[in-house]
């Protein structure tokens, strides 16, 4: 009789354990890997706490120069979804080496231009809905709310740019920020690639262009390095401006909206500084 009771108790305990395992498994959140803090911010705004988010690259780093770590391979191997912009040169090798079966989605670049960001938020939302189909309605609701906030901020920035007549100011911009600067309304007369690709001849051509065009601002991209832009601005007699591509690289840029507001303030403050010169 005692053996029967113990056997029944053992079965009950095993069954309970299996039940707990099933509950625990059901409660596991899908892992989402985002290559950058921009994509990480989009995921947070849309999915909130419904996923386990892993962001690979800190805000102050250039994705093109990033070195893959073993922890990145492990994260991608566990992922249900991997989000990347499309310019990360190591992305294909990372997914392949991890053996991941994740959904891999390219969102695009030039998110600094708000209309592009609105589109990319939609891409992220659709990707998240594929791994969280039961949450698709709330994901869409969150995405639309975020898109509206981007559009409202964009409207305020463009109104301010119009008040300042920024179209009168000529600019030479690092290529990664040129579309944002143009979107604000500044007159971009020249661009330059990352510093390691700027030859002495190209630098002299940029100096000549800046002097001939009476360029007011030289705009650098923080993650690409800022020394070249500072030298160029000095040679031209322009104001040097440093913008950021990603949240967290400078104070008060915790998310996408704060990054755009920061970059706008940098541009407008620099223009006012230039105009106050004797």
Protein backbone atom coordinates (compact mmCIF):
# COMPACT_ATOMS: atom_id res chain seq x y z
CA UNK A 1 0.00 0.00 0.00
CA UNK A 2 2.83 2.37 0.90
CA UNK A 3 4.54 1.69 -2.42
CA UNK A 4 1.32 2.50 -4.28
CA UNK A 5 0.92 5.79 -2.42
CA UNK A 6 4.51 6.74 -3.12
CA UNK A 7 4.09 5.84 -6.80
CA UNK A 8 0.95 7.97 -7.09
CA UNK A 9 2.67 10.84 -5.29
CA UNK A 10 5.64 10.55 -7.64
CA UNK A 11 3.38 10.68 -10.67
CA UNK A 12 1.59 13.73 -9.27
CA UNK A 13 4.88 15.51 -8.58
CA UNK A 14 6.23 14.72 -12.05
CA UNK A 15 2.99 15.89 -13.59
CA UNK A 16 3.12 19.09 -11.55
CA UNK A 17 6.72 19.64 -12.59
CA UNK A 18 5.85 19.17 -16.23
CA UNK A 19 3.00 21.62 -15.78
CA UNK A 20 5.36 24.18 -14.29
CA UNK A 21 7.75 23.66 -17.15
CA UNK A 22 4.94 24.24 -19.63
CA UNK A 23 3.87 27.40 -17.83
CA UNK A 24 7.45 28.63 -17.69
CA UNK A 25 7.91 27.90 -21.37
CA UNK A 26 4.68 29.69 -22.24
CA UNK A 27 5.83 32.74 -20.35
CA UNK A 28 9.21 32.98 -22.10
CA UNK A 29 9.56 36.11 -24.17
CA UNK A 30 10.94 35.93 -27.69
CA UNK A 31 14.46 37.29 -28.04
CA UNK A 32 14.86 40.22 -30.42
CA UNK A 33 18.35 41.28 -31.48
CA UNK A 34 18.81 44.82 -32.79
CA UNK A 35 22.15 45.89 -34.18
CA UNK A 36 21.91 49.51 -33.00
CA UNK A 37 20.34 51.64 -30.29
CA UNK A 38 18.07 53.25 -32.88
CA UNK A 39 16.46 49.92 -33.69
CA UNK A 40 16.48 49.05 -30.00
CA UNK A 41 14.52 52.22 -29.26
CA UNK A 42 11.98 51.41 -31.98
CA UNK A 43 11.48 47.93 -30.46
CA UNK A 44 11.04 49.37 -26.95
CA UNK A 45 8.48 51.89 -28.13
CA UNK A 46 6.46 49.26 -30.01
CA UNK A 47 6.85 46.01 -28.07
CA UNK A 48 7.45 47.52 -24.63
CA UNK A 49 8.20 44.57 -22.30
CA UNK A 50 6.81 41.85 -24.55
CA UNK A 51 10.24 40.76 -25.82
CA UNK A 52 13.74 40.23 -24.47
CA UNK A 53 15.74 42.85 -26.35
CA UNK A 54 19.46 42.59 -27.04
CA UNK A 55 21.19 45.61 -28.61
CA UNK A 56 24.62 44.78 -30.01
CA UNK A 57 26.28 48.17 -30.51
CA UNK A 58 26.55 51.04 -28.04
CA UNK A 59 25.46 54.47 -29.25
CA UNK A 60 28.93 55.96 -29.52
CA UNK A 61 30.30 53.28 -31.86
CA UNK A 62 30.30 53.09 -35.65
CA UNK A 63 28.52 49.90 -36.82
CA UNK A 64 30.86 49.55 -39.80
CA UNK A 65 33.85 49.21 -37.45
CA UNK A 66 32.20 46.94 -34.91
CA UNK A 67 33.88 43.65 -33.97
CA UNK A 68 31.54 40.71 -33.36
CA UNK A 69 31.77 39.16 -29.87
CA UNK A 70 30.96 35.59 -28.81
CA UNK A 71 28.00 36.95 -26.83
CA UNK A 72 26.59 38.43 -30.05
CA UNK A 73 26.73 35.01 -31.73
CA UNK A 74 24.97 33.46 -28.74
CA UNK A 75 22.27 36.15 -28.74
CA UNK A 76 21.54 35.72 -32.45
CA UNK A 77 21.43 31.96 -32.02
CA UNK A 78 18.60 32.37 -29.46
CA UNK A 79 16.78 35.12 -31.35
CA UNK A 80 13.34 34.92 -32.89
CA UNK A 81 13.94 38.19 -34.74
CA UNK A 82 17.08 40.03 -35.85
CA UNK A 83 16.81 43.65 -36.98
CA UNK A 84 19.55 45.43 -38.91
CA UNK A 85 19.84 48.51 -41.10
CA UNK A 86 21.51 46.88 -44.07
CA UNK A 87 24.91 48.58 -43.94
CA UNK A 88 26.46 46.34 -41.24
CA UNK A 89 29.19 44.52 -43.22
CA UNK A 90 29.39 41.66 -40.69
CA UNK A 91 25.67 40.88 -40.51
CA UNK A 92 25.56 37.94 -42.89
CA UNK A 93 28.55 36.23 -41.28
CA UNK A 94 27.06 36.76 -37.80
CA UNK A 95 23.76 35.10 -38.69
CA UNK A 96 25.49 32.28 -40.55
CA UNK A 97 28.01 31.51 -37.80
CA UNK A 98 25.27 31.48 -35.15
CA UNK A 99 23.18 28.90 -36.98
CA UNK A 100 20.18 31.07 -36.22
CA UNK A 101 16.74 30.31 -37.59
CA UNK A 102 15.53 33.81 -36.69
CA UNK A 103 13.52 36.08 -38.93
CA UNK A 104 16.10 38.58 -40.23
CA UNK A 105 14.70 41.96 -41.28
CA UNK A 106 16.49 44.89 -42.92
CA UNK A 107 14.93 48.24 -41.97
CA UNK A 108 17.00 50.71 -44.02
CA UNK A 109 19.15 53.69 -43.12
CA UNK A 110 18.83 57.51 -43.04
CA UNK A 111 16.54 57.32 -40.01
CA UNK A 112 17.70 60.80 -39.04
CA UNK A 113 15.21 62.06 -41.60
CA UNK A 114 11.89 61.77 -39.70
CA UNK A 115 9.75 60.58 -42.65
CA UNK A 116 12.22 57.72 -43.11
CA UNK A 117 12.02 56.91 -39.41
CA UNK A 118 8.22 56.76 -39.61
CA UNK A 119 8.52 54.21 -42.40
CA UNK A 120 11.10 52.16 -40.50
CA UNK A 121 8.93 52.08 -37.38
CA UNK A 122 6.29 50.46 -39.57
CA UNK A 123 8.79 47.85 -40.78
CA UNK A 124 9.78 47.02 -37.20
CA UNK A 125 6.14 46.79 -36.14
CA UNK A 126 5.34 44.35 -38.96
CA UNK A 127 8.36 42.22 -38.04
CA UNK A 128 7.39 42.12 -34.37
CA UNK A 129 3.84 41.13 -35.29
CA UNK A 130 5.21 38.04 -37.06
CA UNK A 131 6.79 36.74 -33.84
CA UNK A 132 3.99 38.04 -31.60
CA UNK A 133 0.87 37.46 -33.71
CA UNK A 134 -1.49 37.54 -30.73
CA UNK A 135 -0.19 41.03 -29.84
CA UNK A 136 -0.44 42.49 -33.35
CA UNK A 137 -3.22 44.94 -32.47
CA UNK A 138 -1.39 46.53 -29.54
CA UNK A 139 1.88 46.55 -31.49
CA UNK A 140 0.20 48.49 -34.28
CA UNK A 141 -1.38 50.87 -31.77
CA UNK A 142 2.00 51.57 -30.15
CA UNK A 143 3.68 52.02 -33.52
CA UNK A 144 1.07 54.52 -34.72
CA UNK A 145 1.38 56.52 -31.48
CA UNK A 146 5.16 56.63 -31.87
CA UNK A 147 4.92 57.62 -35.53
CA UNK A 148 2.62 60.51 -34.58
CA UNK A 149 5.16 61.74 -32.02
CA UNK A 150 7.87 61.68 -34.70
CA UNK A 151 5.66 63.61 -37.12
CA UNK A 152 4.76 66.19 -34.47
CA UNK A 153 8.42 66.77 -33.64
CA UNK A 154 9.27 66.99 -37.33
CA UNK A 155 6.61 69.65 -37.83
CA UNK A 156 8.01 71.77 -35.01
CA UNK A 157 11.56 71.48 -36.35
CA UNK A 158 10.59 72.50 -39.87
CA UNK A 159 8.58 75.45 -38.57
CA UNK A 160 11.60 76.64 -36.58
CA UNK A 161 13.88 76.16 -39.59
CA UNK A 162 11.57 78.30 -41.68
CA UNK A 163 11.60 81.06 -39.07
CA UNK A 164 15.40 81.09 -39.12
CA UNK A 165 15.57 81.09 -42.95
CA UNK A 166 18.06 78.26 -42.83
CA UNK A 167 17.94 77.89 -46.60
CA UNK A 168 20.23 80.92 -46.76
CA UNK A 169 23.03 79.02 -45.00
CA UNK A 170 25.43 76.95 -47.08
CA UNK A 171 26.75 73.75 -45.53
CA UNK A 172 29.35 71.07 -46.13
CA UNK A 173 28.22 67.90 -44.40
CA UNK A 174 29.59 64.49 -43.58
CA UNK A 175 27.65 62.14 -45.86
CA UNK A 176 25.82 60.30 -43.06
CA UNK A 177 24.18 63.54 -41.86
CA UNK A 178 23.67 65.24 -45.23
CA UNK A 179 20.08 64.09 -45.79
CA UNK A 180 18.99 65.28 -42.34
CA UNK A 181 20.66 68.65 -42.88
CA UNK A 182 18.99 68.98 -46.28
CA UNK A 183 15.64 67.91 -44.84
CA UNK A 184 15.88 70.73 -42.30
CA UNK A 185 16.23 73.12 -45.22
CA UNK A 186 19.93 74.00 -45.18
CA UNK A 187 21.72 74.40 -48.51
CA UNK A 188 24.17 71.47 -48.66
CA UNK A 189 26.78 72.38 -51.26
CA UNK A 190 29.17 69.52 -50.56
CA UNK A 191 29.59 66.25 -48.67
CA UNK A 192 32.49 64.07 -47.59
CA UNK A 193 32.86 60.38 -46.66
CA UNK A 194 34.24 58.99 -43.37
CA UNK A 195 37.65 60.53 -42.52
CA UNK A 196 39.64 57.41 -43.44
CA UNK A 197 38.40 57.79 -47.01
CA UNK A 198 39.22 61.50 -47.37
CA UNK A 199 42.42 61.98 -49.33
CA UNK A 200 44.60 65.08 -49.13
CA UNK A 201 43.36 66.07 -52.58
CA UNK A 202 39.71 65.77 -51.57
CA UNK A 203 40.34 67.78 -48.42
CA UNK A 204 41.87 70.62 -50.44
CA UNK A 205 38.93 70.50 -52.85
CA UNK A 206 36.52 70.81 -49.92
CA UNK A 207 38.47 73.78 -48.55
CA UNK A 208 38.33 75.50 -51.92
CA UNK A 209 34.61 74.77 -52.25
CA UNK A 210 33.92 76.08 -48.76
CA UNK A 211 35.77 79.33 -49.36
CA UNK A 212 34.23 79.93 -52.77
CA UNK A 213 30.71 79.22 -51.55
CA UNK A 214 31.17 81.08 -48.24
CA UNK A 215 30.06 78.01 -46.32
CA UNK A 216 28.63 78.81 -42.89
CA UNK A 217 28.66 75.35 -41.27
CA UNK A 218 30.67 72.16 -41.49
CA UNK A 219 28.61 69.28 -40.12
CA UNK A 220 30.30 66.20 -38.69
CA UNK A 221 28.93 62.81 -37.70
CA UNK A 222 30.06 61.90 -34.18
CA UNK A 223 30.31 58.17 -34.77
CA UNK A 224 32.55 58.68 -37.82
CA UNK A 225 35.08 60.92 -36.05
CA UNK A 226 35.15 64.70 -35.81
CA UNK A 227 38.76 65.75 -36.30
CA UNK A 228 38.57 66.19 -40.06
CA UNK A 229 35.44 68.33 -39.90
CA UNK A 230 37.02 70.56 -37.27
CA UNK A 231 40.09 71.15 -39.48
CA UNK A 232 37.91 71.79 -42.50
CA UNK A 233 35.77 74.32 -40.63
CA UNK A 234 38.91 76.12 -39.42
CA UNK A 235 40.33 76.37 -42.95
CA UNK A 236 37.04 77.67 -44.33
CA UNK A 237 36.19 79.98 -41.46
CA UNK A 238 32.93 78.12 -40.81
CA UNK A 239 31.31 76.90 -37.59
CA UNK A 240 31.92 73.25 -36.79
CA UNK A 241 28.81 71.25 -35.84
CA UNK A 242 28.76 67.69 -34.49
CA UNK A 243 25.60 65.59 -34.83
CA UNK A 244 24.94 62.08 -33.55
CA UNK A 245 23.37 59.10 -35.26
CA UNK A 246 22.47 57.07 -32.19
CA UNK A 247 20.97 57.50 -28.72
CA UNK A 248 23.23 57.48 -25.69
CA UNK A 249 26.34 58.91 -27.31
CA UNK A 250 25.88 62.39 -25.80
CA UNK A 251 23.88 63.60 -22.77
CA UNK A 252 20.10 63.89 -23.08
CA UNK A 253 19.83 61.63 -26.13
CA UNK A 254 18.15 58.63 -24.56
CA UNK A 255 15.95 57.80 -27.55
CA UNK A 256 15.29 58.65 -31.18
CA UNK A 257 13.18 61.72 -30.47
CA UNK A 258 15.86 63.19 -28.21
CA UNK A 259 18.54 62.50 -30.83
CA UNK A 260 16.63 64.46 -33.46
CA UNK A 261 15.86 67.30 -31.05
CA UNK A 262 19.55 67.43 -30.07
CA UNK A 263 20.72 67.53 -33.68
CA UNK A 264 18.22 70.25 -34.53
CA UNK A 265 19.40 72.38 -31.59
CA UNK A 266 23.04 71.91 -32.62
CA UNK A 267 22.28 73.10 -36.15
CA UNK A 268 20.20 76.10 -35.18
CA UNK A 269 22.58 77.22 -32.42
CA UNK A 270 25.53 76.98 -34.78
CA UNK A 271 23.73 79.03 -37.42
CA UNK A 272 22.91 81.77 -34.91
CA UNK A 273 26.53 81.74 -33.75
CA UNK A 274 27.74 82.17 -37.33
CA UNK A 275 25.34 85.04 -37.97
CA UNK A 276 26.54 86.89 -34.87
CA UNK A 277 30.09 87.01 -36.17
CA UNK A 278 31.37 90.48 -37.12
